[in-house]
PDB file of N, CA and C in Angstrom:
ATOM      1  N   MET A   1      -5.636  53.021  81.345  1.00  0.00           N
ATOM      2  CA  MET A   1      -4.754  53.585  80.217  1.00  0.00           C
ATOM      3  C   MET A   1      -4.832  55.293  81.393  1.00  0.00           C
ATOM      4  N   THR A   2      -4.161  55.992  81.172  1.00  0.00           N
ATOM      5  CA  THR A   2      -3.804  57.072  82.477  1.00  0.00           C
ATOM      6  C   THR A   2      -4.059  58.604  81.195  1.00  0.00           C
ATOM      7  N   LEU A   3      -4.643  59.460  81.957  1.00  0.00           N
ATOM      8  CA  LEU A   3      -4.867  60.388  80.857  1.00  0.00           C
ATOM      9  C   LEU A   3      -3.694  61.176  81.026  1.00  0.00           C
ATOM     10  N   PRO A   4      -3.500  61.871  80.021  1.00  0.00           N
ATOM     11  CA  PRO A   4      -2.201  62.303  79.465  1.00  0.00           C
ATOM     12  C   PRO A   4      -2.515  63.680  80.458  1.00  0.00           C
ATOM     13  N   GLU A   5      -3.249  64.467  81.032  1.00  0.00           N
ATOM     14  CA  GLU A   5      -3.280  65.672  81.801  1.00  0.00           C
ATOM     15  C   GLU A   5      -2.655  64.865  82.963  1.00  0.00           C
ATOM     16  N   ALA A   6      -3.120  63.645  83.297  1.00  0.00           N
ATOM     17  CA  ALA A   6      -2.459  63.351  84.800  1.00  0.00           C
ATOM     18  C   ALA A   6      -1.351  63.099  85.110  1.00  0.00           C
ATOM     19  N   LYS A   7      -0.831  62.077  83.693  1.00  0.00           N
ATOM     20  CA  LYS A   7       0.565  61.881  83.571  1.00  0.00           C
ATOM     21  C   LYS A   7       1.244  63.209  83.840  1.00  0.00           C
ATOM     22  N   SER A   8       1.381  64.056  83.320  1.00  0.00           N
ATOM     23  CA  SER A   8       1.832  65.628  83.033  1.00  0.00           C
ATOM     24  C   SER A   8       2.172  65.885  84.494  1.00  0.00           C
ATOM     25  N   SER A   9       0.323  65.825  85.121  1.00  0.00           N
ATOM     26  CA  SER A   9       0.606  66.815  86.809  1.00  0.00           C
ATOM     27  C   SER A   9       1.459  66.166  87.658  1.00  0.00           C
ATOM     28  N   LYS A  10       1.656  64.731  87.214  1.00  0.00           N
ATOM     29  CA  LYS A  10       2.017  64.074  88.030  1.00  0.00           C
ATOM     30  C   LYS A  10       3.553  64.021  87.992  1.00  0.00           C
ATOM     31  N   GLN A  11       4.250  64.439  87.009  1.00  0.00           N
ATOM     32  CA  GLN A  11       5.461  64.780  86.629  1.00  0.00           C
ATOM     33  C   GLN A  11       5.575  65.797  87.433  1.00  0.00           C
ATOM     34  N   GLU A  12       5.192  66.606  86.882  1.00  0.00           N
ATOM     35  CA  GLU A  12       5.269  68.183  87.890  1.00  0.00           C
ATOM     36  C   GLU A  12       5.187  68.187  89.452  1.00  0.00           C
ATOM     37  N   GLU A  13       4.662  67.492  89.686  1.00  0.00           N
ATOM     38  CA  GLU A  13       4.368  67.302  91.281  1.00  0.00           C
ATOM     39  C   GLU A  13       5.751  66.592  91.570  1.00  0.00           C
ATOM     40  N   ILE A  14       5.984  65.742  90.597  1.00  0.00           N
ATOM     41  CA  ILE A  14       7.342  64.939  91.322  1.00  0.00           C
ATOM     42  C   ILE A  14       8.199  66.132  91.141  1.00  0.00           C
ATOM     43  N   GLU A  15       8.950  66.439  90.130  1.00  0.00           N
ATOM     44  CA  GLU A  15       9.858  67.371  89.571  1.00  0.00           C
ATOM     45  C   GLU A  15       9.773  68.889  90.207  1.00  0.00           C
ATOM     46  N   ASP A  16       8.560  69.361  90.900  1.00  0.00           N
ATOM     47  CA  ASP A  16       8.877  70.954  92.058  1.00  0.00           C
ATOM     48  C   ASP A  16       9.673  71.179  92.401  1.00  0.00           C
ATOM     49  N   PRO A  17      10.472  71.895  91.761  1.00  0.00           N
ATOM     50  CA  PRO A  17      12.261  72.569  92.517  1.00  0.00           C
ATOM     51  C   PRO A  17      11.855  73.045  94.157  1.00  0.00           C
ATOM     52  N   VAL A  18      10.803  73.376  94.756  1.00  0.00           N
ATOM     53  CA  VAL A  18      10.155  73.809  95.583  1.00  0.00           C
ATOM     54  C   VAL A  18      11.001  73.102  96.392  1.00  0.00           C
ATOM     55  N   GLU A  19       9.552  71.705  96.544  1.00  0.00           N
ATOM     56  CA  GLU A  19       9.424  70.816  96.917  1.00  0.00           C
ATOM     57  C   GLU A  19      11.062  70.029  97.077  1.00  0.00           C
ATOM     58  N   ARG A  20      11.491  69.882  96.042  1.00  0.00           N
ATOM     59  CA  ARG A  20      12.847  68.664  96.078  1.00  0.00           C
ATOM     60  C   ARG A  20      13.747  69.919  97.140  1.00  0.00           C
ATOM     61  N   MET A  21      13.526  70.809  97.033  1.00  0.00           N
ATOM     62  CA  MET A  21      14.439  71.571  97.865  1.00  0.00           C
ATOM     63  C   MET A  21      14.326  71.660  99.488  1.00  0.00           C
ATOM     64  N   LEU A  22      13.032  72.385  99.537  1.00  0.00           N
ATOM     65  CA  LEU A  22      12.429  71.657 101.279  1.00  0.00           C
ATOM     66  C   LEU A  22      12.692  69.873 101.542  1.00  0.00           C
ATOM     67  N   LYS A  23      12.248  69.844 100.732  1.00  0.00           N
ATOM     68  CA  LYS A  23      12.975  67.561 101.019  1.00  0.00           C
ATOM     69  C   LYS A  23      14.100  67.787 101.693  1.00  0.00           C
ATOM     70  N   LYS A  24      15.298  68.692 100.818  1.00  0.00           N
ATOM     71  CA  LYS A  24      16.334  68.489 100.812  1.00  0.00           C
ATOM     72  C   LYS A  24      17.083  69.260 102.421  1.00  0.00           C
ATOM     73  N   THR A  25      15.828  69.883 103.035  1.00  0.00           N
ATOM     74  CA  THR A  25      16.199  70.801 104.361  1.00  0.00           C
ATOM     75  C   THR A  25      15.573  69.570 105.339  1.00  0.00           C
ATOM     76  N   GLY A  26      14.817  68.786 105.253  1.00  0.00           N
ATOM     77  CA  GLY A  26      13.978  67.953 106.308  1.00  0.00           C
ATOM     78  C   GLY A  26      13.101  68.862 106.967  1.00  0.00           C
ATOM     79  N   CYS A  27      12.068  69.840 106.115  1.00  0.00           N
ATOM     80  CA  CYS A  27      11.446  70.769 107.062  1.00  0.00           C
ATOM     81  C   CYS A  27      10.316  70.475 106.031  1.00  0.00           C
ATOM     82  N   ILE A  28      10.149  69.629 105.283  1.00  0.00           N
ATOM     83  CA  ILE A  28       8.921  69.814 104.038  1.00  0.00           C
ATOM     84  C   ILE A  28       7.585  69.799 104.949  1.00  0.00           C
ATOM     85  N   ASP A  29       7.958  68.587 105.762  1.00  0.00           N
ATOM     86  CA  ASP A  29       6.686  68.190 106.446  1.00  0.00           C
ATOM     87  C   ASP A  29       5.971  69.296 107.474  1.00  0.00           C
ATOM     88  N   LEU A  30       6.788  70.236 107.626  1.00  0.00           N
ATOM     89  CA  LEU A  30       6.704  71.619 108.550  1.00  0.00           C
ATOM     90  C   LEU A  30       6.179  72.679 107.486  1.00  0.00           C
ATOM     91  N   HIS A  31       6.368  72.464 106.308  1.00  0.00           N
ATOM     92  CA  HIS A  31       5.892  73.429 105.026  1.00  0.00           C
ATOM     93  C   HIS A  31       4.707  73.151 105.037  1.00  0.00           C
ATOM     94  N   TYR A  32       4.006  72.000 104.810  1.00  0.00           N
ATOM     95  CA  TYR A  32       2.943  71.450 104.717  1.00  0.00           C
ATOM     96  C   TYR A  32       2.166  72.310 105.864  1.00  0.00           C
ATOM     97  N   GLN A  33       1.979  71.979 106.962  1.00  0.00           N
ATOM     98  CA  GLN A  33       1.421  71.977 107.985  1.00  0.00           C
ATOM     99  C   GLN A  33       1.120  73.463 107.771  1.00  0.00           C
ATOM    100  N   VAL A  34       2.218  74.442 107.665  1.00  0.00           N
ATOM    101  CA  VAL A  34       2.014  75.826 107.543  1.00  0.00           C
ATOM    102  C   VAL A  34       1.042  76.379 106.324  1.00  0.00           C
ATOM    103  N   GLN A  35       1.016  75.338 105.258  1.00  0.00           N
ATOM    104  CA  GLN A  35       0.250  75.114 104.162  1.00  0.00           C
ATOM    105  C   GLN A  35      -1.253  75.041 104.733  1.00  0.00           C
ATOM    106  N   ASP A  36      -1.755  74.078 105.367  1.00  0.00           N
ATOM    107  CA  ASP A  36      -2.844  73.227 105.584  1.00  0.00           C
ATOM    108  C   ASP A  36      -3.423  74.152 106.334  1.00  0.00           C
ATOM    109  N   CYS A  37      -2.867  75.032 107.669  1.00  0.00           N
ATOM    110  CA  CYS A  37      -3.184  75.659 108.681  1.00  0.00           C
ATOM    111  C   CYS A  37      -3.780  77.258 107.961  1.00  0.00           C
ATOM    112  N   PHE A  38      -3.230  77.548 106.649  1.00  0.00           N
ATOM    113  CA  PHE A  38      -3.308  78.756 106.160  1.00  0.00           C
ATOM    114  C   PHE A  38      -4.808  78.303 104.981  1.00  0.00           C
ATOM    115  N   PHE A  39      -5.009  76.922 104.741  1.00  0.00           N
ATOM    116  CA  PHE A  39      -5.861  76.725 103.616  1.00  0.00           C
ATOM    117  C   PHE A  39      -7.165  76.431 104.432  1.00  0.00           C
ATOM    118  N   GLU A  40      -7.071  75.946 105.995  1.00  0.00           N
ATOM    119  CA  GLU A  40      -8.376  75.870 106.783  1.00  0.00           C
ATOM    120  C   GLU A  40      -8.619  77.143 107.178  1.00  0.00           C
ATOM    121  N   THR A  41      -7.739  78.557 107.968  1.00  0.00           N
ATOM    122  CA  THR A  41      -7.816  79.707 108.474  1.00  0.00           C
ATOM    123  C   THR A  41      -7.933  80.340 107.567  1.00  0.00           C
ATOM    124  N   GLN A  42      -7.412  80.953 106.665  1.00  0.00           N
ATOM    125  CA  GLN A  42      -7.684  81.568 105.318  1.00  0.00           C
ATOM    126  C   GLN A  42      -6.446  83.159 106.434  1.00  0.00           C
ATOM    127  N   ASP A  43      -5.987  82.714 107.248  1.00  0.00           N
ATOM    128  CA  ASP A  43      -5.614  84.098 108.243  1.00  0.00           C
ATOM    129  C   ASP A  43      -3.937  83.447 108.995  1.00  0.00           C
ATOM    130  N   TRP A  44      -2.784  84.453 108.697  1.00  0.00           N
ATOM    131  CA  TRP A  44      -1.181  83.643 108.614  1.00  0.00           C
ATOM    132  C   TRP A  44      -1.524  83.982 110.071  1.00  0.00           C
ATOM    133  N   ARG A  45      -2.160  84.775 110.910  1.00  0.00           N
ATOM    134  CA  ARG A  45      -1.922  85.448 112.468  1.00  0.00           C
ATOM    135  C   ARG A  45      -2.384  84.444 112.820  1.00  0.00           C
ATOM    136  N   LYS A  46      -3.313  82.808 112.179  1.00  0.00           N
ATOM    137  CA  LYS A  46      -3.994  81.665 113.319  1.00  0.00           C
ATOM    138  C   LYS A  46      -2.946  80.905 112.842  1.00  0.00           C
ATOM    139  N   CYS A  47      -1.610  80.632 111.966  1.00  0.00           N
ATOM    140  CA  CYS A  47      -0.568  80.077 111.862  1.00  0.00           C
ATOM    141  C   CYS A  47       0.613  80.354 112.306  1.00  0.00           C
ATOM    142  N   GLN A  48       1.056  80.839 113.472  1.00  0.00           N
ATOM    143  CA  GLN A  48       1.992  81.366 113.863  1.00  0.00           C
ATOM    144  C   GLN A  48       3.030  80.276 114.501  1.00  0.00           C
ATOM    145  N   THR A  49       2.076  79.231 115.445  1.00  0.00           N
ATOM    146  CA  THR A  49       2.863  77.938 116.061  1.00  0.00           C
ATOM    147  C   THR A  49       3.655  77.603 114.746  1.00  0.00           C
ATOM    148  N   GLN A  50       2.778  77.339 113.817  1.00  0.00           N
ATOM    149  CA  GLN A  50       3.447  76.394 112.680  1.00  0.00           C
ATOM    150  C   GLN A  50       4.504  77.288 111.321  1.00  0.00           C
ATOM    151  N   ILE A  51       4.201  78.759 111.873  1.00  0.00           N
ATOM    152  CA  ILE A  51       5.320  79.406 111.066  1.00  0.00           C
ATOM    153  C   ILE A  51       6.304  79.571 111.634  1.00  0.00           C
ATOM    154  N   LYS A  52       6.498  79.717 112.882  1.00  0.00           N
ATOM    155  CA  LYS A  52       7.361  79.497 113.910  1.00  0.00           C
ATOM    156  C   LYS A  52       8.684  78.273 113.865  1.00  0.00           C
ATOM    157  N   LYS A  53       7.746  77.146 113.766  1.00  0.00           N
ATOM    158  CA  LYS A  53       8.730  75.770 113.642  1.00  0.00           C
ATOM    159  C   LYS A  53       9.138  75.358 112.129  1.00  0.00           C
ATOM    160  N   PHE A  54       8.945  75.851 111.506  1.00  0.00           N
ATOM    161  CA  PHE A  54       9.173  76.120 110.075  1.00  0.00           C
ATOM    162  C   PHE A  54      10.816  76.611 110.092  1.00  0.00           C
ATOM    163  N   LYS A  55      10.322  77.942 110.564  1.00  0.00           N
ATOM    164  CA  LYS A  55      11.478  78.747 110.223  1.00  0.00           C
ATOM    165  C   LYS A  55      12.507  78.220 111.426  1.00  0.00           C
ATOM    166  N   GLU A  56      11.818  77.777 112.534  1.00  0.00           N
ATOM    167  CA  GLU A  56      13.115  77.164 113.735  1.00  0.00           C
ATOM    168  C   GLU A  56      13.892  75.916 112.482  1.00  0.00           C
ATOM    169  N   CYS A  57      13.034  74.920 111.980  1.00  0.00           N
ATOM    170  CA  CYS A  57      14.135  73.787 111.019  1.00  0.00           C
ATOM    171  C   CYS A  57      14.430  74.394 109.514  1.00  0.00           C
ATOM    172  N   MET A  58      14.107  76.139 109.286  1.00  0.00           N
ATOM    173  CA  MET A  58      15.299  76.343 108.051  1.00  0.00           C
ATOM    174  C   MET A  58      16.528  77.196 108.890  1.00  0.00           C
ATOM    175  N   ASP A  59      16.209  77.396 109.789  1.00  0.00           N
ATOM    176  CA  ASP A  59      17.341  77.926 110.743  1.00  0.00           C
ATOM    177  C   ASP A  59      18.207  77.074 110.752  1.00  0.00           C
ATOM    178  N   ILE A  60      17.616  76.045 111.346  1.00  0.00           N
ATOM    179  CA  ILE A  60      18.823  75.411 111.888  1.00  0.00           C
ATOM    180  C   ILE A  60      19.926  74.514 110.353  1.00  0.00           C
ATOM    181  N   TYR A  61      18.674  74.286 109.612  1.00  0.00           N
ATOM    182  CA  TYR A  61      19.436  73.563 108.177  1.00  0.00           C
ATOM    183  C   TYR A  61      20.133  74.589 107.500  1.00  0.00           C
ATOM    184  N   ARG A  62      20.127  75.964 107.719  1.00  0.00           N
ATOM    185  CA  ARG A  62      20.959  77.190 107.018  1.00  0.00           C
ATOM    186  C   ARG A  62      21.941  76.750 108.353  1.00  0.00           C
ATOM    187  N   LYS A  63      22.304  77.116 108.863  1.00  0.00           N
ATOM    188  CA  LYS A  63      23.363  77.222 109.673  1.00  0.00           C
ATOM    189  C   LYS A  63      24.108  75.979 109.541  1.00  0.00           C
ATOM    190  N   LYS A  64      24.089  74.495 109.478  1.00  0.00           N
ATOM    191  CA  LYS A  64      24.420  73.409 109.002  1.00  0.00           C
ATOM    192  C   LYS A  64      25.418  73.579 107.468  1.00  0.00           C
ATOM    193  N   GLN A  65      24.524  74.233 106.573  1.00  0.00           N
ATOM    194  CA  GLN A  65      24.744  74.396 105.467  1.00  0.00           C
ATOM    195  C   GLN A  65      26.378  75.542 105.553  1.00  0.00           C
ATOM    196  N   VAL A  66      25.862  76.981 106.380  1.00  0.00           N
ATOM    197  CA  VAL A  66      27.440  77.545 106.996  1.00  0.00           C
ATOM    198  C   VAL A  66      28.329  76.714 107.219  1.00  0.00           C
ATOM    199  N   ALA A  67      28.098  76.337 108.472  1.00  0.00           N
ATOM    200  CA  ALA A  67      29.020  74.881 108.838  1.00  0.00           C
ATOM    201  C   ALA A  67      30.131  74.311 107.520  1.00  0.00           C
ATOM    202  N   SER A  68      28.620  74.032 107.266  1.00  0.00           N
ATOM    203  CA  SER A  68      29.895  72.534 106.398  1.00  0.00           C
ATOM    204  C   SER A  68      30.366  73.651 104.957  1.00  0.00           C
ATOM    205  N   TYR A  69      30.332  74.840 104.928  1.00  0.00           N
ATOM    206  CA  TYR A  69      31.066  75.128 103.792  1.00  0.00           C
ATOM    207  C   TYR A  69      32.202  75.840 104.498  1.00  0.00           C
ATOM    208  N   THR A  70      32.423  76.483 105.891  1.00  0.00           N
ATOM    209  CA  THR A  70      33.714  77.371 106.585  1.00  0.00           C
ATOM    210  C   THR A  70      34.065  75.607 107.601  1.00  0.00           C
ATOM    211  N   ASN A  71      34.540  74.534 107.391  1.00  0.00           N
ATOM    212  CA  ASN A  71      34.744  73.436 107.464  1.00  0.00           C
ATOM    213  C   ASN A  71      35.812  73.143 106.583  1.00  0.00           C
TER     214      ASN A  71
END
C-alpha cells in the first residue's frame, strides 16, 4: 500500500512545470549538473563550468525557438 503523501509527492515531481519546460529544451541534464555542483560545493563560483554549459544549451534552444517563429 502506498502512503498518500508519497503518491502526492511523486505526482508533484512528475507535474513540475519547471522540469517539464527544461525537458522540452533538452537541457535538463545540464540543469541537474548545476544543481548537483551547487549542492556539493555550496558555492556558485565553483560551478562556472556547469553553468556555462547550461547557458549555452539554453541559448541554442532559444535561437531555435526564434528561428521557428520567424520562418
